[in-house]
Amino acid sequence: MCDVVLKAIFNGDILPWEQKISRSPIYKELSKKIEKEREFFMRDMSKEEKNRFDDYHCLLMERNSEEFNNCMFQNFMLGISVGMEVIEGKQKIIEDYGV
């Protein structure tokens, strides 16, 4: 199994930073609340204010996405580092004990 996953990552079939949309009830509830608040604030705005508010919202989303991508990358690198240490440790045991 591990060999298959590593090959898929190497070949680009699995992208560790690929984002999946959460299907949790908490995520759905937060999304509804965010949309409700957005509609509240935009209700009495001029067209220009709505455009600026949309731009602001998009900037926040981009920043959050960048932060998430950075966390995913760091976690992936940490996982790879742990895997490399495990493989090196296994190799040392094989060399030391002839297993």
Protein backbone atom coordinates (compact mmCIF):
# COMPACT_ATOMS: atom_id res chain seq x y z
CA MET A 1 0.00 0.00 0.00
CA CYS A 2 2.73 2.47 1.00
CA ASP A 3 4.60 1.78 -2.23
CA VAL A 4 1.46 2.52 -4.25
CA VAL A 5 0.84 5.84 -2.47
CA LEU A 6 4.46 6.95 -2.85
CA LYS A 7 4.39 6.15 -6.58
CA ALA A 8 1.11 8.05 -6.99
CA ILE A 9 2.60 11.08 -5.23
CA PHE A 10 5.77 10.87 -7.31
CA ASN A 11 3.77 10.57 -10.55
CA GLY A 12 1.54 13.51 -9.62
CA ASP A 13 -1.62 11.41 -9.31
CA ILE A 14 -2.00 12.52 -5.68
CA LEU A 15 -1.42 16.16 -4.83
CA PRO A 16 -0.84 16.57 -1.09
CA TRP A 17 -1.98 20.19 -1.21
CA GLU A 18 -5.19 19.38 -3.06
CA GLN A 19 -8.16 20.76 -1.17
CA LYS A 20 -11.36 18.88 -0.52
CA ILE A 21 -14.52 20.69 0.50
CA SER A 22 -15.63 19.69 3.97
CA ARG A 23 -18.98 17.97 4.21
CA SER A 24 -19.20 18.24 8.00
CA PRO A 25 -22.34 19.67 9.62
CA ILE A 26 -20.19 22.33 11.31
CA TYR A 27 -18.82 23.49 7.95
CA LYS A 28 -22.30 23.62 6.42
CA GLU A 29 -23.68 25.58 9.38
CA LEU A 30 -20.80 28.08 9.28
CA SER A 31 -21.27 28.54 5.53
CA LYS A 32 -24.96 29.34 6.02
CA LYS A 33 -24.17 31.85 8.77
CA ILE A 34 -21.49 33.53 6.67
CA GLU A 35 -23.86 33.87 3.70
CA LYS A 36 -26.62 35.25 5.94
CA GLU A 37 -24.26 37.89 7.38
CA ARG A 38 -22.93 38.76 3.93
CA GLU A 39 -26.47 39.34 2.67
CA PHE A 40 -27.24 41.47 5.73
CA PHE A 41 -24.26 43.77 5.15
CA MET A 42 -24.80 44.03 1.40
CA ARG A 43 -28.53 44.75 1.61
CA ASP A 44 -28.19 48.55 1.85
CA MET A 45 -24.90 49.02 0.01
CA SER A 46 -24.45 50.89 -3.22
CA LYS A 47 -23.21 48.98 -6.24
CA GLU A 48 -19.67 50.29 -5.71
CA GLU A 49 -19.74 49.31 -2.02
CA LYS A 50 -20.99 45.83 -2.93
CA ASN A 51 -18.15 45.43 -5.42
CA ARG A 52 -15.59 46.54 -2.84
CA PHE A 53 -17.11 44.24 -0.23
CA ASP A 54 -16.93 41.34 -2.71
CA ASP A 55 -13.30 42.21 -3.45
CA TYR A 56 -12.57 42.31 0.28
CA HIS A 57 -14.23 38.93 0.75
CA CYS A 58 -12.22 37.45 -2.13
CA LEU A 59 -8.97 38.76 -0.63
CA LEU A 60 -9.82 37.13 2.69
CA MET A 61 -10.56 33.84 0.94
CA GLU A 62 -7.30 33.99 -1.01
CA ARG A 63 -5.33 34.69 2.17
CA ASN A 64 -7.03 31.82 3.99
CA SER A 65 -6.36 29.52 1.07
CA GLU A 66 -2.70 30.52 1.03
CA GLU A 67 -2.42 29.89 4.76
CA PHE A 68 -4.12 26.49 4.37
CA ASN A 69 -1.83 25.55 1.47
CA ASN A 70 1.22 26.49 3.53
CA CYS A 71 0.01 24.33 6.42
CA MET A 72 -0.63 21.40 4.08
CA PHE A 73 2.82 21.75 2.53
CA GLN A 74 4.49 21.88 5.94
CA ASN A 75 2.54 18.83 7.13
CA PHE A 76 3.41 16.93 3.97
CA MET A 77 7.10 17.73 4.38
CA LEU A 78 6.93 16.65 8.01
CA GLY A 79 5.29 13.37 6.98
CA ILE A 80 7.95 12.77 4.33
CA SER A 81 10.69 13.50 6.89
CA VAL A 82 9.20 11.01 9.34
CA GLY A 83 8.89 8.42 6.58
CA MET A 84 12.51 8.92 5.58
CA GLU A 85 13.64 8.50 9.20
CA VAL A 86 11.62 5.28 9.48
CA ILE A 87 13.17 3.92 6.28
CA GLU A 88 16.66 4.90 7.43
CA GLY A 89 16.02 3.23 10.81
CA LYS A 90 14.78 0.07 9.12
CA GLN A 91 17.86 0.01 6.90
CA LYS A 92 20.13 0.37 9.97
CA ILE A 93 18.38 -2.53 11.69
CA ILE A 94 18.81 -4.67 8.58
CA GLU A 95 22.49 -3.75 8.36
CA ASP A 96 23.16 -4.26 12.08
CA TYR A 97 21.27 -7.50 12.57
CA GLY A 98 21.22 -8.99 9.09
CA VAL A 99 17.46 -9.22 9.12
